[in-house]
Amino acid sequence: MKMMKDMMQKMMSGMVKAEDMPEMMGTMMENMFSKMTTEDRMKFVSTMMPNCLNMIFAELNESSKQKLAKEMLNKMTDIFASKITKK
């Protein structure tokens, strides 16, 4: 939690560059998920993903919304299909 708190403070103070965000968020998410139970992971994703997407879509124009929705649907479909069909 300290790492997340430190990262949030840096973001809020404008110390984090936009190009550093993907790597930093990836590290933070890895750390957070590694400490969660399976049930906690599932609950987090099913609760937070819709919230995050709603916040992201709220700031986009119609064509950007459509483009992002198609891209995300394709990526998520590929991920889900690979997990369901794996044996």
Protein backbone atom coordinates (compact mmCIF):
# COMPACT_ATOMS: atom_id res chain seq x y z
CA MET A 1 0.00 0.00 0.00
CA LYS A 2 2.90 2.37 0.63
CA MET A 3 3.96 2.08 -3.01
CA MET A 4 0.44 2.94 -4.17
CA LYS A 5 0.26 5.89 -1.78
CA ASP A 6 3.66 7.17 -2.98
CA MET A 7 2.62 6.79 -6.61
CA MET A 8 -0.64 8.65 -6.02
CA GLN A 9 1.21 11.48 -4.30
CA LYS A 10 3.60 11.76 -7.26
CA MET A 11 0.73 11.77 -9.72
CA MET A 12 -1.19 14.38 -7.79
CA SER A 13 1.85 16.62 -7.50
CA GLY A 14 2.51 16.40 -11.25
CA MET A 15 5.88 14.66 -10.81
CA VAL A 16 4.98 11.72 -13.05
CA LYS A 17 5.35 12.12 -16.80
CA ALA A 18 2.62 10.67 -18.99
CA GLU A 19 5.09 8.34 -20.72
CA ASP A 20 6.08 6.83 -17.35
CA MET A 21 2.51 5.98 -16.37
CA PRO A 22 2.08 2.62 -18.18
CA GLU A 23 5.18 1.10 -16.60
CA MET A 24 4.42 2.53 -13.19
CA MET A 25 0.78 1.41 -13.30
CA GLY A 26 1.87 -2.05 -14.47
CA THR A 27 4.24 -2.40 -11.54
CA MET A 28 1.63 -1.15 -9.11
CA MET A 29 -1.02 -3.54 -10.46
CA GLU A 30 1.36 -6.52 -10.37
CA ASN A 31 2.20 -5.74 -6.77
CA MET A 32 -1.43 -5.27 -5.79
CA PHE A 33 -2.72 -8.41 -7.55
CA SER A 34 0.09 -10.60 -6.22
CA LYS A 35 -1.21 -9.97 -2.71
CA MET A 36 -4.88 -10.67 -3.48
CA THR A 37 -6.79 -13.91 -3.17
CA THR A 38 -8.54 -15.28 -6.25
CA GLU A 39 -11.90 -14.07 -4.96
CA ASP A 40 -10.48 -10.60 -4.26
CA ARG A 41 -9.05 -10.42 -7.79
CA MET A 42 -12.36 -11.40 -9.33
CA LYS A 43 -14.28 -8.91 -7.19
CA PHE A 44 -11.81 -6.12 -7.94
CA VAL A 45 -12.00 -6.65 -11.70
CA SER A 46 -15.78 -7.04 -11.83
CA THR A 47 -16.26 -3.92 -9.69
CA MET A 48 -13.48 -1.62 -10.83
CA MET A 49 -13.35 -2.30 -14.58
CA PRO A 50 -16.84 -0.87 -15.23
CA ASN A 51 -16.04 2.16 -13.05
CA CYS A 52 -12.73 2.80 -14.81
CA LEU A 53 -14.26 2.39 -18.27
CA ASN A 54 -17.12 4.75 -17.44
CA MET A 55 -14.62 7.41 -16.31
CA ILE A 56 -12.52 6.95 -19.45
CA PHE A 57 -15.48 7.01 -21.84
CA ALA A 58 -16.93 10.13 -20.19
CA GLU A 59 -14.08 12.22 -21.59
CA LEU A 60 -14.14 10.87 -25.17
CA ASN A 61 -15.99 12.06 -28.24
CA GLU A 62 -18.28 9.62 -30.07
CA SER A 63 -15.76 8.37 -32.64
CA SER A 64 -13.10 7.85 -29.97
CA LYS A 65 -15.60 5.92 -27.85
CA GLN A 66 -16.38 3.62 -30.77
CA LYS A 67 -12.71 3.12 -31.61
CA LEU A 68 -11.77 2.32 -28.00
CA ALA A 69 -14.78 0.04 -27.51
CA LYS A 70 -13.90 -2.02 -30.61
CA GLU A 71 -10.25 -2.25 -29.59
CA MET A 72 -11.08 -3.29 -26.03
CA LEU A 73 -13.71 -5.81 -27.14
CA ASN A 74 -11.19 -7.47 -29.47
CA LYS A 75 -8.48 -7.60 -26.81
CA MET A 76 -10.80 -8.87 -24.09
CA THR A 77 -12.36 -11.45 -26.41
CA ASP A 78 -8.90 -12.78 -27.29
CA ILE A 79 -7.89 -12.96 -23.63
CA PHE A 80 -11.11 -14.64 -22.53
CA ALA A 81 -11.03 -17.11 -25.43
CA SER A 82 -7.45 -18.11 -24.64
CA LYS A 83 -8.29 -18.68 -20.98
CA ILE A 84 -11.47 -20.65 -21.61
CA THR A 85 -10.05 -22.92 -24.30
CA LYS A 86 -6.76 -23.64 -22.50
CA LYS A 87 -6.51 -27.10 -21.02
